[in-house]
Amino acid sequence: MRTSSWLLLALLMGLSACASVRNVVLVSDPLSCEEHAELGTSYAEQKMTGEAEKEFRAGLRKKKDCTSVQAAMEANNLAMVLLTENKDLDEARRLARAALEDAGPARPYVLDTLAEIDAKTGRISEARLALDHADMIAPANDKALLNQLADTRKKLPELPKTHPL
């Protein structure tokens, strides 16, 4: 009789353990920083900004596994998504400013992002300065970037003209 009680107890414990398996949480993220960036970019291109934001944030959490330029671009991409969503523009500005430090050859793109954020938050002078800097360091043969900078500049309101006394 005792043996059957132990078997029954063991069976019940086993079943209860199986029932809790569905609550297992994945602790390790199998994707690399680069893979999160690719997924985020794909989502952003499809206007799936919520999913893009999640992927860029996940990529930033893997910052130590990225090159400094990759991490900077991950931050810039997240800043662009936040700007697109018109969501937490202070965080977007912090991300873009932090990305400037390590952006390397992508620095003009980050400056464009910063200019768009500054324009949206009413920092028109800062936006113009960012665009001026981007224009100075943008490669002359990167027509797409130069066009993007020109488009961003066109979005800025005109500065009031001063009249001489």
Protein backbone atom coordinates (compact mmCIF):
# COMPACT_ATOMS: atom_id res chain seq x y z
CA MET A 1 0.00 0.00 0.00
CA ARG A 2 2.82 2.38 0.84
CA THR A 3 4.47 1.85 -2.53
CA SER A 4 1.30 2.81 -4.38
CA SER A 5 0.96 5.96 -2.24
CA TRP A 6 4.50 6.99 -3.16
CA LEU A 7 3.81 6.27 -6.82
CA LEU A 8 0.63 8.31 -6.69
CA LEU A 9 2.46 11.16 -4.96
CA ALA A 10 5.27 11.05 -7.54
CA LEU A 11 2.76 11.02 -10.38
CA LEU A 12 0.89 14.03 -8.95
CA MET A 13 4.16 15.95 -8.46
CA GLY A 14 5.17 15.14 -12.02
CA LEU A 15 1.85 16.33 -13.38
CA SER A 16 1.99 19.54 -11.38
CA ALA A 17 5.50 20.19 -12.68
CA CYS A 18 4.30 19.68 -16.25
CA ALA A 19 1.43 22.06 -15.70
CA SER A 20 3.83 24.86 -14.79
CA VAL A 21 6.05 24.39 -17.85
CA ARG A 22 3.88 26.78 -19.84
CA ASN A 23 5.11 29.59 -17.58
CA VAL A 24 8.73 29.18 -18.68
CA VAL A 25 10.30 32.47 -19.71
CA LEU A 26 13.05 32.73 -22.30
CA VAL A 27 15.95 34.35 -20.47
CA SER A 28 18.48 34.46 -23.28
CA ASP A 29 17.87 36.48 -26.44
CA PRO A 30 19.20 34.42 -29.36
CA LEU A 31 19.37 37.36 -31.80
CA SER A 32 22.43 39.52 -32.29
CA CYS A 33 22.49 43.30 -32.24
CA GLU A 34 22.71 43.27 -36.03
CA GLU A 35 19.74 40.91 -36.37
CA HIS A 36 17.62 43.14 -34.13
CA ALA A 37 18.64 46.12 -36.30
CA GLU A 38 17.62 44.28 -39.47
CA LEU A 39 14.27 43.26 -37.98
CA GLY A 40 13.67 46.76 -36.65
CA THR A 41 14.46 48.29 -40.03
CA SER A 42 12.16 45.84 -41.77
CA TYR A 43 9.34 46.68 -39.35
CA ALA A 44 9.96 50.42 -39.72
CA GLU A 45 9.81 50.15 -43.53
CA GLN A 46 6.43 48.43 -43.17
CA LYS A 47 5.23 51.25 -40.85
CA MET A 48 5.08 48.75 -37.95
CA THR A 49 6.64 51.25 -35.56
CA GLY A 50 5.69 49.48 -32.33
CA GLU A 51 7.48 46.33 -33.42
CA ALA A 52 10.40 48.36 -34.79
CA GLU A 53 10.77 50.14 -31.45
CA LYS A 54 10.87 46.80 -29.59
CA GLU A 55 13.57 45.44 -31.91
CA PHE A 56 15.75 48.55 -31.72
CA ARG A 57 15.46 48.55 -27.92
CA ALA A 58 16.39 44.85 -27.85
CA GLY A 59 19.39 45.61 -30.04
CA LEU A 60 20.49 48.40 -27.70
CA ARG A 61 20.34 45.97 -24.78
CA LYS A 62 22.94 43.92 -26.70
CA LYS A 63 25.14 46.99 -27.15
CA LYS A 64 28.21 45.21 -25.80
CA ASP A 65 27.93 42.68 -28.66
CA CYS A 66 27.88 45.39 -31.35
CA THR A 67 30.50 47.61 -32.84
CA SER A 68 30.27 51.18 -31.61
CA VAL A 69 28.94 52.28 -35.02
CA GLN A 70 26.25 49.55 -34.94
CA ALA A 71 25.18 50.61 -31.46
CA ALA A 72 25.08 54.25 -32.57
CA MET A 73 22.89 53.37 -35.54
CA GLU A 74 20.61 51.28 -33.32
CA ALA A 75 20.17 54.36 -31.10
CA ASN A 76 19.60 56.60 -34.13
CA ASN A 77 17.03 54.19 -35.58
CA LEU A 78 15.17 54.09 -32.27
CA ALA A 79 15.25 57.90 -32.17
CA MET A 80 13.73 57.99 -35.68
CA VAL A 81 10.96 55.58 -34.65
CA LEU A 82 10.15 57.69 -31.59
CA LEU A 83 10.10 60.78 -33.82
CA THR A 84 7.80 59.04 -36.30
CA GLU A 85 5.48 58.05 -33.47
CA ASN A 86 5.75 61.56 -31.97
CA LYS A 87 6.53 59.73 -28.75
CA ASP A 88 9.00 60.76 -26.04
CA LEU A 89 10.93 63.25 -28.13
CA ASP A 90 13.21 64.03 -25.18
CA GLU A 91 14.38 60.42 -25.19
CA ALA A 92 14.69 60.54 -28.99
CA ARG A 93 16.92 63.61 -28.71
CA ARG A 94 19.08 61.98 -26.01
CA LEU A 95 19.47 58.87 -28.17
CA ALA A 96 20.46 60.89 -31.25
CA ARG A 97 22.92 63.04 -29.31
CA ALA A 98 24.50 59.95 -27.74
CA ALA A 99 24.71 58.30 -31.17
CA LEU A 100 26.70 61.23 -32.58
CA GLU A 101 29.72 60.27 -30.53
CA ASP A 102 30.22 56.85 -32.15
CA ALA A 103 28.41 57.17 -35.47
CA GLY A 104 31.57 57.38 -37.55
CA PRO A 105 30.68 57.64 -41.25
CA ALA A 106 26.98 57.61 -40.37
CA ARG A 107 27.30 60.88 -38.46
CA PRO A 108 25.52 62.99 -41.15
CA TYR A 109 22.50 60.67 -40.89
CA VAL A 110 22.41 61.07 -37.13
CA LEU A 111 22.69 64.85 -37.50
CA ASP A 112 19.70 64.73 -39.85
CA THR A 113 17.74 62.79 -37.23
CA LEU A 114 18.73 65.30 -34.57
CA ALA A 115 17.71 68.18 -36.86
CA GLU A 116 14.27 66.64 -37.41
CA ILE A 117 13.79 66.12 -33.67
CA ASP A 118 14.97 69.66 -32.91
CA ALA A 119 12.63 71.09 -35.54
CA LYS A 120 9.68 69.15 -34.16
CA THR A 121 10.40 70.38 -30.63
CA GLY A 122 10.80 74.02 -31.69
CA ARG A 123 14.61 74.18 -31.56
CA ILE A 124 14.86 75.64 -35.05
CA SER A 125 18.31 77.22 -34.60
CA GLU A 126 19.73 73.94 -33.31
CA ALA A 127 18.12 72.10 -36.23
CA ARG A 128 19.77 74.47 -38.71
CA LEU A 129 23.15 74.03 -37.02
CA ALA A 130 22.84 70.24 -37.14
CA LEU A 131 21.97 70.39 -40.85
CA ASP A 132 24.85 72.79 -41.55
CA HIS A 133 27.25 70.39 -39.85
CA ALA A 134 25.76 67.41 -41.71
CA ASP A 135 26.14 69.26 -45.04
CA MET A 136 29.82 69.94 -44.28
CA ILE A 137 30.69 66.31 -43.52
CA ALA A 138 28.38 64.48 -45.93
CA PRO A 139 30.19 62.75 -48.78
CA ALA A 140 29.70 64.75 -51.99
CA ASN A 141 28.87 61.56 -53.92
CA ASP A 142 26.06 60.47 -51.55
CA LYS A 143 23.18 62.05 -53.46
CA ALA A 144 20.50 60.28 -51.42
CA LEU A 145 21.88 61.73 -48.19
CA LEU A 146 22.30 65.20 -49.69
CA ASN A 147 18.70 65.09 -50.92
CA GLN A 148 17.52 63.95 -47.48
CA LEU A 149 19.35 66.85 -45.82
CA ALA A 150 17.82 69.29 -48.33
CA ASP A 151 14.34 67.85 -47.70
CA THR A 152 14.79 68.21 -43.95
CA ARG A 153 15.95 71.79 -44.41
CA LYS A 154 12.84 72.57 -46.51
CA LYS A 155 10.64 71.44 -43.61
CA LEU A 156 12.11 74.09 -41.33
CA PRO A 157 10.11 77.28 -40.93
CA GLU A 158 11.60 80.42 -42.36
CA LEU A 159 13.42 82.59 -39.89
CA PRO A 160 11.90 86.05 -39.57
CA LYS A 161 13.78 88.63 -41.58
CA THR A 162 15.34 91.39 -39.57
CA HIS A 163 15.04 94.95 -40.77
CA PRO A 164 18.00 97.28 -40.52
CA LEU A 165 17.43 100.35 -38.38
